[in-house]
Amino acid sequence: MPTRATLLTLTLLAAAGVNAHDWQRQGIVEGNLPASWQQLKAQMTYPDSWLSGHYRDFEQWRQQARTLLRQSLLTPASTLPFAPQTLMRENRGAYTAEKLAFNVTDDNRIAALMLTPNSPGPHPAIVLLHDHGSKFDIGKEKLIRPWNDAARLASAEAWADKFFSGRFIGDELAQRGYVVIAID
């Protein structure tokens, strides 16, 4: 025989399910849009769009749009050349692994790992973006197998074992003919 607590719990759960369903429908109109979509749309004037009608000279608009984009990215324009440099290289059979360095701003030169198939191209390419997941000793090495650094390799292999069934996504893609780059 169900206890009073069990009956109360079941009643509350049933009511919560009905209320959650009702709540999810409040404020939603056809097309799964908020009921206020027309007011929101009216606020979106896009004054800096070429289609706004505020510009007659395309080149002038393009220069202003680039300036606004760069300001939005919060990255100052670099005066230094990109200057890529290969720091290390390893042949992995079907592909070659390279550790690169290059300038991204006047104050920031970064490292990257790149995998390039050894077969004739052209090849599809992919940029892999890594997480940090509270593990900061490896970044790009979570996605591309590192070399020439035993501690980093051990850490990266442990990560790959835990989250990627022991595989490095970048290496798997390179074996399948992709050019792969992962950047810190």
N, C-alpha and C. Protein backbone atom coordinates (compact mmCIF):
# COMPACT_ATOMS: atom_id res chain seq x y z
N MET A 1 0.85 -1.19 0.00
CA MET A 1 0.00 0.00 0.00
C MET A 1 0.89 1.24 0.00
N PRO A 2 0.70 2.18 -0.95
CA PRO A 2 1.56 3.36 -1.01
C PRO A 2 1.38 4.23 0.23
N THR A 3 2.49 4.80 0.65
CA THR A 3 2.45 5.70 1.80
C THR A 3 1.96 7.07 1.37
N ARG A 4 1.61 7.87 2.34
CA ARG A 4 1.15 9.23 2.08
C ARG A 4 2.26 10.02 1.36
N ALA A 5 3.53 9.83 1.78
CA ALA A 5 4.66 10.54 1.16
C ALA A 5 4.81 10.15 -0.31
N THR A 6 4.62 8.86 -0.62
CA THR A 6 4.73 8.40 -2.00
C THR A 6 3.65 9.03 -2.87
N LEU A 7 2.41 9.04 -2.36
CA LEU A 7 1.31 9.65 -3.12
C LEU A 7 1.53 11.14 -3.33
N LEU A 8 2.02 11.83 -2.31
CA LEU A 8 2.30 13.26 -2.43
C LEU A 8 3.39 13.51 -3.48
N THR A 9 4.44 12.69 -3.44
CA THR A 9 5.54 12.82 -4.40
C THR A 9 5.04 12.61 -5.83
N LEU A 10 4.23 11.57 -6.05
CA LEU A 10 3.70 11.30 -7.38
C LEU A 10 2.80 12.44 -7.87
N THR A 11 1.98 12.97 -6.97
CA THR A 11 1.10 14.09 -7.33
C THR A 11 1.91 15.31 -7.73
N LEU A 12 2.95 15.63 -6.94
CA LEU A 12 3.79 16.79 -7.24
C LEU A 12 4.52 16.62 -8.57
N LEU A 13 5.03 15.40 -8.81
CA LEU A 13 5.73 15.16 -10.08
C LEU A 13 4.79 15.30 -11.26
N ALA A 14 3.58 14.79 -11.14
CA ALA A 14 2.61 14.91 -12.23
C ALA A 14 2.25 16.38 -12.47
N ALA A 15 2.04 17.13 -11.40
CA ALA A 15 1.71 18.55 -11.53
C ALA A 15 2.88 19.32 -12.13
N ALA A 16 4.10 18.98 -11.72
CA ALA A 16 5.29 19.67 -12.25
C ALA A 16 5.41 19.43 -13.74
N GLY A 17 5.11 18.21 -14.19
CA GLY A 17 5.17 17.92 -15.61
C GLY A 17 4.18 18.74 -16.41
N VAL A 18 2.97 18.88 -15.90
CA VAL A 18 1.96 19.69 -16.57
C VAL A 18 2.36 21.15 -16.57
N ASN A 19 2.82 21.64 -15.42
CA ASN A 19 3.21 23.04 -15.32
C ASN A 19 4.41 23.35 -16.21
N ALA A 20 5.38 22.44 -16.27
CA ALA A 20 6.55 22.66 -17.11
C ALA A 20 6.12 22.77 -18.57
N HIS A 21 5.19 21.91 -18.99
CA HIS A 21 4.73 21.94 -20.36
C HIS A 21 4.02 23.26 -20.66
N ASP A 22 3.15 23.70 -19.74
CA ASP A 22 2.47 24.98 -19.93
C ASP A 22 3.47 26.13 -19.95
N TRP A 23 4.44 26.10 -19.06
CA TRP A 23 5.42 27.18 -18.98
C TRP A 23 6.22 27.29 -20.27
N GLN A 24 6.56 26.13 -20.85
CA GLN A 24 7.35 26.15 -22.07
C GLN A 24 6.59 26.78 -23.23
N ARG A 25 5.28 26.79 -23.20
CA ARG A 25 4.48 27.34 -24.29
C ARG A 25 4.17 28.83 -24.09
N GLN A 26 4.33 29.33 -22.88
CA GLN A 26 4.01 30.73 -22.63
C GLN A 26 4.99 31.63 -23.39
N GLY A 27 4.46 32.62 -24.06
CA GLY A 27 5.32 33.58 -24.74
C GLY A 27 5.88 33.11 -26.07
N ILE A 28 5.44 31.93 -26.53
CA ILE A 28 5.95 31.39 -27.79
C ILE A 28 4.82 31.45 -28.83
N VAL A 29 5.14 31.93 -30.01
CA VAL A 29 4.15 31.98 -31.08
C VAL A 29 4.55 30.99 -32.16
N GLU A 30 3.75 30.89 -33.19
CA GLU A 30 4.04 29.96 -34.28
C GLU A 30 5.44 30.21 -34.83
N GLY A 31 6.14 29.15 -35.15
CA GLY A 31 7.51 29.27 -35.64
C GLY A 31 8.53 29.25 -34.51
N ASN A 32 8.06 28.99 -33.29
CA ASN A 32 8.94 28.89 -32.11
C ASN A 32 9.70 30.20 -31.85
N LEU A 33 9.03 31.32 -32.07
CA LEU A 33 9.61 32.64 -31.82
C LEU A 33 9.00 33.22 -30.55
N PRO A 34 9.71 34.12 -29.88
CA PRO A 34 9.09 34.78 -28.73
C PRO A 34 7.93 35.65 -29.20
N ALA A 35 6.95 35.82 -28.33
CA ALA A 35 5.77 36.62 -28.70
C ALA A 35 6.15 38.05 -29.06
N SER A 36 7.27 38.53 -28.59
CA SER A 36 7.69 39.92 -28.84
C SER A 36 8.59 40.05 -30.07
N TRP A 37 8.58 39.08 -30.97
CA TRP A 37 9.55 39.09 -32.07
C TRP A 37 9.42 40.32 -32.96
N GLN A 38 8.21 40.84 -33.14
CA GLN A 38 8.06 42.01 -34.02
C GLN A 38 8.70 43.26 -33.40
N GLN A 39 8.57 43.42 -32.07
CA GLN A 39 9.21 44.56 -31.41
C GLN A 39 10.73 44.43 -31.47
N LEU A 40 11.22 43.21 -31.28
CA LEU A 40 12.67 42.99 -31.37
C LEU A 40 13.18 43.29 -32.78
N LYS A 41 12.44 42.84 -33.78
CA LYS A 41 12.84 43.08 -35.16
C LYS A 41 12.89 44.58 -35.47
N ALA A 42 11.92 45.34 -34.95
CA ALA A 42 11.87 46.78 -35.20
C ALA A 42 13.08 47.50 -34.61
N GLN A 43 13.68 46.94 -33.57
CA GLN A 43 14.85 47.55 -32.94
C GLN A 43 16.13 47.29 -33.73
N MET A 44 16.10 46.33 -34.62
CA MET A 44 17.29 45.93 -35.37
C MET A 44 17.38 46.73 -36.66
N THR A 45 18.00 47.88 -36.59
CA THR A 45 18.09 48.75 -37.76
C THR A 45 19.37 48.56 -38.55
N TYR A 46 20.41 47.99 -37.96
CA TYR A 46 21.69 47.74 -38.63
C TYR A 46 22.19 48.97 -39.39
N PRO A 47 22.45 50.07 -38.70
CA PRO A 47 22.83 51.31 -39.38
C PRO A 47 24.15 51.20 -40.15
N ASP A 48 25.00 50.24 -39.81
CA ASP A 48 26.29 50.13 -40.49
C ASP A 48 26.27 49.11 -41.63
N SER A 49 25.11 48.55 -41.92
CA SER A 49 24.98 47.61 -43.02
C SER A 49 24.99 48.35 -44.36
N TRP A 50 25.58 47.74 -45.37
CA TRP A 50 25.54 48.31 -46.72
C TRP A 50 24.08 48.44 -47.16
N LEU A 51 23.22 47.52 -46.72
CA LEU A 51 21.82 47.52 -47.13
C LEU A 51 20.98 48.56 -46.39
N SER A 52 21.56 49.26 -45.42
CA SER A 52 20.80 50.25 -44.65
C SER A 52 20.40 51.46 -45.48
N GLY A 53 21.09 51.71 -46.58
CA GLY A 53 20.82 52.88 -47.40
C GLY A 53 21.56 54.13 -46.95
N HIS A 54 22.39 54.00 -45.91
CA HIS A 54 23.15 55.15 -45.41
C HIS A 54 24.42 55.41 -46.22
N TYR A 55 24.77 54.49 -47.10
CA TYR A 55 26.03 54.61 -47.83
C TYR A 55 25.76 54.63 -49.33
N ARG A 56 26.54 55.42 -50.03
CA ARG A 56 26.47 55.48 -51.49
C ARG A 56 27.77 54.98 -52.12
N ASP A 57 28.87 55.14 -51.40
CA ASP A 57 30.19 54.75 -51.90
C ASP A 57 30.59 53.43 -51.24
N PHE A 58 30.63 52.36 -52.05
CA PHE A 58 30.91 51.03 -51.51
C PHE A 58 32.29 50.97 -50.86
N GLU A 59 33.28 51.55 -51.48
CA GLU A 59 34.64 51.50 -50.94
C GLU A 59 34.71 52.19 -49.58
N GLN A 60 34.04 53.32 -49.44
CA GLN A 60 34.01 54.02 -48.15
C GLN A 60 33.33 53.14 -47.10
N TRP A 61 32.20 52.52 -47.47
CA TRP A 61 31.51 51.63 -46.54
C TRP A 61 32.41 50.46 -46.14
N ARG A 62 33.09 49.88 -47.11
CA ARG A 62 33.94 48.72 -46.83
C ARG A 62 35.04 49.07 -45.83
N GLN A 63 35.67 50.22 -46.01
CA GLN A 63 36.72 50.64 -45.08
C GLN A 63 36.15 50.85 -43.68
N GLN A 64 35.00 51.48 -43.58
CA GLN A 64 34.38 51.71 -42.27
C GLN A 64 33.95 50.39 -41.64
N ALA A 65 33.41 49.48 -42.43
CA ALA A 65 32.99 48.18 -41.91
C ALA A 65 34.19 47.39 -41.38
N ARG A 66 35.31 47.45 -42.08
CA ARG A 66 36.52 46.77 -41.60
C ARG A 66 37.00 47.37 -40.29
N THR A 67 36.95 48.68 -40.19
CA THR A 67 37.35 49.35 -38.94
C THR A 67 36.45 48.90 -37.79
N LEU A 68 35.15 48.87 -38.02
CA LEU A 68 34.21 48.43 -36.98
C LEU A 68 34.45 46.97 -36.60
N LEU A 69 34.71 46.13 -37.59
CA LEU A 69 34.98 44.72 -37.31
C LEU A 69 36.23 44.57 -36.46
N ARG A 70 37.30 45.25 -36.84
CA ARG A 70 38.55 45.16 -36.07
C ARG A 70 38.35 45.67 -34.64
N GLN A 71 37.59 46.74 -34.47
CA GLN A 71 37.30 47.24 -33.13
C GLN A 71 36.51 46.21 -32.33
N SER A 72 35.59 45.53 -32.98
CA SER A 72 34.77 44.53 -32.30
C SER A 72 35.59 43.32 -31.88
N LEU A 73 36.61 42.99 -32.65
CA LEU A 73 37.45 41.84 -32.32
C LEU A 73 38.42 42.14 -31.19
N LEU A 74 38.58 43.40 -30.85
CA LEU A 74 39.45 43.83 -29.76
C LEU A 74 40.91 43.44 -29.98
N THR A 75 41.30 43.28 -31.22
CA THR A 75 42.68 42.94 -31.54
C THR A 75 43.27 44.07 -32.37
N PRO A 76 44.33 44.70 -31.89
CA PRO A 76 44.92 45.79 -32.68
C PRO A 76 45.53 45.26 -33.98
N ALA A 77 45.54 46.08 -34.98
CA ALA A 77 46.15 45.70 -36.25
C ALA A 77 47.64 45.46 -36.03
N SER A 78 48.15 44.39 -36.59
CA SER A 78 49.56 44.04 -36.43
C SER A 78 50.40 44.75 -37.48
N THR A 79 51.56 45.21 -37.05
CA THR A 79 52.51 45.82 -37.98
C THR A 79 53.63 44.84 -38.32
N LEU A 80 53.65 43.70 -37.64
CA LEU A 80 54.68 42.69 -37.90
C LEU A 80 54.19 41.71 -38.96
N PRO A 81 55.10 41.17 -39.74
CA PRO A 81 54.70 40.14 -40.68
C PRO A 81 54.30 38.87 -39.92
N PHE A 82 53.51 38.04 -40.56
CA PHE A 82 53.07 36.77 -40.00
C PHE A 82 54.27 35.90 -39.61
N ALA A 83 55.27 35.85 -40.44
CA ALA A 83 56.57 35.20 -40.20
C ALA A 83 56.48 33.79 -39.62
N PRO A 84 55.82 32.86 -40.32
CA PRO A 84 55.76 31.49 -39.80
C PRO A 84 57.14 30.84 -39.78
N GLN A 85 57.35 29.99 -38.80
CA GLN A 85 58.64 29.31 -38.63
C GLN A 85 58.35 27.88 -38.19
N THR A 86 59.01 26.91 -38.83
CA THR A 86 58.90 25.52 -38.41
C THR A 86 59.94 25.26 -37.33
N LEU A 87 59.47 24.85 -36.14
CA LEU A 87 60.36 24.59 -35.01
C LEU A 87 60.80 23.14 -34.95
N MET A 88 59.89 22.22 -35.28
CA MET A 88 60.18 20.78 -35.27
C MET A 88 59.35 20.11 -36.35
N ARG A 89 59.82 18.95 -36.78
CA ARG A 89 59.09 18.19 -37.80
C ARG A 89 59.26 16.71 -37.50
N GLU A 90 58.19 15.94 -37.73
CA GLU A 90 58.25 14.49 -37.52
C GLU A 90 57.44 13.81 -38.63
N ASN A 91 58.05 12.84 -39.30
CA ASN A 91 57.35 12.06 -40.31
C ASN A 91 56.55 10.97 -39.59
N ARG A 92 55.25 10.92 -39.85
CA ARG A 92 54.39 9.92 -39.21
C ARG A 92 53.81 8.95 -40.24
N GLY A 93 54.57 8.69 -41.28
CA GLY A 93 54.13 7.74 -42.29
C GLY A 93 53.24 8.39 -43.33
N ALA A 94 51.94 8.36 -43.12
CA ALA A 94 50.98 8.92 -44.08
C ALA A 94 50.94 10.44 -44.05
N TYR A 95 51.52 11.04 -43.02
CA TYR A 95 51.48 12.49 -42.88
C TYR A 95 52.69 12.98 -42.09
N THR A 96 52.93 14.28 -42.15
CA THR A 96 54.04 14.91 -41.43
C THR A 96 53.48 15.84 -40.38
N ALA A 97 54.06 15.77 -39.17
CA ALA A 97 53.67 16.66 -38.07
C ALA A 97 54.71 17.76 -37.96
N GLU A 98 54.24 19.00 -37.79
CA GLU A 98 55.15 20.14 -37.61
C GLU A 98 54.70 20.98 -36.42
N LYS A 99 55.68 21.46 -35.67
CA LYS A 99 55.41 22.46 -34.65
C LYS A 99 55.82 23.79 -35.25
N LEU A 100 54.88 24.74 -35.27
CA LEU A 100 55.09 26.04 -35.90
C LEU A 100 55.01 27.16 -34.87
N ALA A 101 55.56 28.30 -35.24
CA ALA A 101 55.38 29.53 -34.47
C ALA A 101 55.13 30.64 -35.48
N PHE A 102 54.23 31.57 -35.13
CA PHE A 102 53.96 32.71 -36.01
C PHE A 102 53.37 33.86 -35.21
N ASN A 103 53.48 35.06 -35.78
CA ASN A 103 52.97 36.26 -35.13
C ASN A 103 51.48 36.40 -35.42
N VAL A 104 50.72 36.74 -34.37
CA VAL A 104 49.31 37.07 -34.58
C VAL A 104 49.04 38.54 -34.26
N THR A 105 49.87 39.14 -33.42
CA THR A 105 49.83 40.58 -33.16
C THR A 105 51.27 41.03 -32.95
N ASP A 106 51.46 42.31 -32.73
CA ASP A 106 52.81 42.82 -32.46
C ASP A 106 53.37 42.25 -31.16
N ASP A 107 52.50 41.87 -30.25
CA ASP A 107 52.94 41.39 -28.94
C ASP A 107 52.77 39.90 -28.73
N ASN A 108 52.28 39.18 -29.73
CA ASN A 108 51.92 37.80 -29.48
C ASN A 108 52.37 36.89 -30.62
N ARG A 109 53.33 36.04 -30.31
CA ARG A 109 53.78 34.99 -31.22
C ARG A 109 53.28 33.69 -30.62
N ILE A 110 52.59 32.89 -31.39
CA ILE A 110 51.96 31.69 -30.84
C ILE A 110 52.51 30.43 -31.48
N ALA A 111 52.27 29.32 -30.79
CA ALA A 111 52.68 28.00 -31.28
C ALA A 111 51.47 27.28 -31.85
N ALA A 112 51.74 26.41 -32.81
CA ALA A 112 50.69 25.60 -33.42
C ALA A 112 51.27 24.25 -33.79
N LEU A 113 50.42 23.26 -33.85
CA LEU A 113 50.79 21.95 -34.40
C LEU A 113 50.02 21.78 -35.69
N MET A 114 50.73 21.35 -36.74
CA MET A 114 50.09 21.17 -38.04
C MET A 114 50.45 19.80 -38.59
N LEU A 115 49.46 19.14 -39.16
CA LEU A 115 49.64 17.83 -39.79
C LEU A 115 49.30 17.97 -41.26
N THR A 116 50.21 17.48 -42.12
CA THR A 116 50.02 17.58 -43.56
C THR A 116 50.19 16.20 -44.18
N PRO A 117 49.20 15.72 -44.93
CA PRO A 117 49.34 14.42 -45.59
C PRO A 117 50.54 14.41 -46.53
N ASN A 118 51.19 13.26 -46.63
CA ASN A 118 52.34 13.12 -47.52
C ASN A 118 51.93 12.80 -48.95
N SER A 119 50.65 12.60 -49.19
CA SER A 119 50.15 12.32 -50.54
C SER A 119 49.99 13.63 -51.31
N PRO A 120 49.98 13.54 -52.65
CA PRO A 120 49.79 14.77 -53.43
C PRO A 120 48.42 15.39 -53.15
N GLY A 121 48.37 16.71 -53.14
CA GLY A 121 47.12 17.44 -52.84
C GLY A 121 46.31 17.67 -54.09
N PRO A 122 45.31 18.49 -54.02
CA PRO A 122 44.92 19.30 -52.86
C PRO A 122 44.24 18.44 -51.79
N HIS A 123 44.25 18.96 -50.56
CA HIS A 123 43.67 18.27 -49.41
C HIS A 123 42.64 19.17 -48.72
N PRO A 124 41.58 18.57 -48.18
CA PRO A 124 40.69 19.38 -47.33
C PRO A 124 41.45 19.77 -46.07
N ALA A 125 41.03 20.85 -45.44
CA ALA A 125 41.73 21.34 -44.25
C ALA A 125 40.73 21.62 -43.14
N ILE A 126 41.23 21.52 -41.91
CA ILE A 126 40.39 21.79 -40.74
C ILE A 126 41.23 22.47 -39.66
N VAL A 127 40.63 23.44 -38.98
CA VAL A 127 41.24 24.08 -37.82
C VAL A 127 40.56 23.48 -36.59
N LEU A 128 41.34 22.82 -35.74
CA LEU A 128 40.79 22.23 -34.52
C LEU A 128 40.94 23.21 -33.37
N LEU A 129 39.86 23.44 -32.66
CA LEU A 129 39.86 24.34 -31.50
C LEU A 129 39.78 23.49 -30.24
N HIS A 130 40.72 23.69 -29.34
CA HIS A 130 40.76 22.87 -28.12
C HIS A 130 40.07 23.57 -26.97
N ASP A 131 39.69 22.74 -25.99
CA ASP A 131 39.15 23.27 -24.74
C ASP A 131 40.29 23.38 -23.74
N HIS A 132 40.00 23.84 -22.55
CA HIS A 132 40.98 23.76 -21.48
C HIS A 132 40.52 22.76 -20.43
N GLY A 133 39.24 22.69 -20.16
CA GLY A 133 38.70 21.67 -19.28
C GLY A 133 39.48 21.48 -18.01
N SER A 134 39.97 22.54 -17.43
CA SER A 134 40.75 22.55 -16.18
C SER A 134 42.09 21.85 -16.32
N LYS A 135 42.54 21.64 -17.54
CA LYS A 135 43.85 21.01 -17.78
C LYS A 135 44.65 21.96 -18.65
N PHE A 136 45.57 22.70 -18.01
CA PHE A 136 46.24 23.79 -18.71
C PHE A 136 47.66 23.47 -19.18
N ASP A 137 48.16 22.29 -18.88
CA ASP A 137 49.51 21.95 -19.36
C ASP A 137 49.50 21.50 -20.81
N ILE A 138 48.31 21.17 -21.31
CA ILE A 138 48.16 20.82 -22.72
C ILE A 138 46.97 21.60 -23.28
N GLY A 139 47.05 21.95 -24.53
CA GLY A 139 45.96 22.64 -25.21
C GLY A 139 45.80 22.00 -26.57
N LYS A 140 46.58 22.48 -27.53
CA LYS A 140 46.56 21.90 -28.87
C LYS A 140 46.96 20.43 -28.84
N GLU A 141 47.72 20.04 -27.80
CA GLU A 141 48.19 18.65 -27.68
C GLU A 141 47.06 17.69 -27.29
N LYS A 142 45.90 18.21 -26.93
CA LYS A 142 44.74 17.34 -26.69
C LYS A 142 44.21 16.79 -28.00
N LEU A 143 44.50 17.47 -29.10
CA LEU A 143 43.92 17.13 -30.39
C LEU A 143 44.92 16.55 -31.38
N ILE A 144 46.19 16.92 -31.22
CA ILE A 144 47.27 16.41 -32.08
C ILE A 144 48.34 15.83 -31.16
N ARG A 145 48.74 14.60 -31.44
CA ARG A 145 49.72 13.91 -30.59
C ARG A 145 51.04 14.66 -30.57
N PRO A 146 51.48 15.09 -29.37
CA PRO A 146 52.76 15.80 -29.28
C PRO A 146 53.94 14.83 -29.37
N TRP A 147 55.12 15.37 -29.54
CA TRP A 147 56.34 14.58 -29.59
C TRP A 147 57.47 15.39 -28.99
N ASN A 148 58.54 14.70 -28.65
CA ASN A 148 59.77 15.34 -28.16
C ASN A 148 59.59 16.03 -26.80
N ASP A 149 58.56 15.63 -26.04
CA ASP A 149 58.33 16.17 -24.70
C ASP A 149 57.57 15.10 -23.91
N ALA A 150 58.30 14.30 -23.13
CA ALA A 150 57.72 13.13 -22.46
C ALA A 150 56.57 13.50 -21.52
N ALA A 151 56.73 14.57 -20.75
CA ALA A 151 55.68 14.96 -19.80
C ALA A 151 54.41 15.39 -20.53
N ARG A 152 54.57 16.18 -21.57
CA ARG A 152 53.41 16.65 -22.34
C ARG A 152 52.74 15.48 -23.07
N LEU A 153 53.54 14.55 -23.60
CA LEU A 153 52.99 13.38 -24.27
C LEU A 153 52.19 12.53 -23.30
N ALA A 154 52.71 12.30 -22.10
CA ALA A 154 52.00 11.50 -21.10
C ALA A 154 50.67 12.15 -20.72
N SER A 155 50.69 13.45 -20.51
CA SER A 155 49.47 14.18 -20.16
C SER A 155 48.45 14.12 -21.30
N ALA A 156 48.92 14.32 -22.53
CA ALA A 156 48.03 14.30 -23.69
C ALA A 156 47.45 12.90 -23.92
N GLU A 157 48.26 11.87 -23.74
CA GLU A 157 47.76 10.50 -23.90
C GLU A 157 46.72 10.17 -22.84
N ALA A 158 46.94 10.61 -21.60
CA ALA A 158 45.96 10.38 -20.54
C ALA A 158 44.63 11.07 -20.89
N TRP A 159 44.72 12.29 -21.43
CA TRP A 159 43.52 13.02 -21.84
C TRP A 159 42.81 12.29 -22.97
N ALA A 160 43.57 11.88 -23.98
CA ALA A 160 42.98 11.17 -25.12
C ALA A 160 42.36 9.85 -24.67
N ASP A 161 43.01 9.15 -23.75
CA ASP A 161 42.45 7.89 -23.23
C ASP A 161 41.12 8.15 -22.53
N LYS A 162 41.06 9.20 -21.75
CA LYS A 162 39.87 9.50 -20.95
C LYS A 162 38.70 10.00 -21.80
N PHE A 163 38.98 10.84 -22.80
CA PHE A 163 37.89 11.50 -23.52
C PHE A 163 37.72 11.10 -24.98
N PHE A 164 38.75 10.52 -25.60
CA PHE A 164 38.69 10.23 -27.03
C PHE A 164 39.05 8.79 -27.37
N SER A 165 38.81 7.87 -26.44
CA SER A 165 39.10 6.44 -26.67
C SER A 165 40.54 6.22 -27.10
N GLY A 166 41.45 7.04 -26.57
CA GLY A 166 42.87 6.88 -26.85
C GLY A 166 43.31 7.44 -28.19
N ARG A 167 42.43 8.12 -28.89
CA ARG A 167 42.77 8.65 -30.21
C ARG A 167 42.96 10.16 -30.16
N PHE A 168 43.82 10.63 -31.03
CA PHE A 168 44.01 12.07 -31.22
C PHE A 168 43.25 12.44 -32.49
N ILE A 169 42.26 13.29 -32.35
CA ILE A 169 41.36 13.62 -33.46
C ILE A 169 42.13 14.14 -34.67
N GLY A 170 43.10 15.01 -34.44
CA GLY A 170 43.88 15.57 -35.54
C GLY A 170 44.63 14.50 -36.31
N ASP A 171 45.25 13.58 -35.58
CA ASP A 171 46.00 12.51 -36.24
C ASP A 171 45.07 11.59 -37.04
N GLU A 172 43.89 11.33 -36.49
CA GLU A 172 42.92 10.51 -37.22
C GLU A 172 42.50 11.19 -38.52
N LEU A 173 42.28 12.50 -38.47
CA LEU A 173 41.91 13.23 -39.68
C LEU A 173 43.05 13.28 -40.69
N ALA A 174 44.28 13.47 -40.21
CA ALA A 174 45.44 13.51 -41.12
C ALA A 174 45.63 12.18 -41.82
N GLN A 175 45.39 11.08 -41.12
CA GLN A 175 45.48 9.76 -41.74
C GLN A 175 44.45 9.59 -42.84
N ARG A 176 43.39 10.35 -42.76
CA ARG A 176 42.32 10.28 -43.76
C ARG A 176 42.47 11.37 -44.83
N GLY A 177 43.61 12.06 -44.85
CA GLY A 177 43.91 13.00 -45.93
C GLY A 177 43.64 14.46 -45.66
N TYR A 178 43.36 14.83 -44.41
CA TYR A 178 43.11 16.24 -44.07
C TYR A 178 44.40 16.94 -43.64
N VAL A 179 44.54 18.20 -44.01
CA VAL A 179 45.53 19.08 -43.40
C VAL A 179 44.87 19.58 -42.13
N VAL A 180 45.59 19.49 -41.01
CA VAL A 180 45.01 19.82 -39.71
C VAL A 180 45.92 20.80 -38.99
N ILE A 181 45.35 21.82 -38.36
CA ILE A 181 46.13 22.72 -37.52
C ILE A 181 45.37 22.94 -36.22
N ALA A 182 46.11 22.96 -35.12
CA ALA A 182 45.57 23.30 -33.80
C ALA A 182 46.50 24.34 -33.19
N ILE A 183 45.93 25.39 -32.64
CA ILE A 183 46.69 26.56 -32.21
C ILE A 183 46.44 26.84 -30.74
N ASP A 184 47.49 27.30 -30.07
CA ASP A 184 47.32 27.80 -28.69
C ASP A 184 47.29 29.30 -28.72
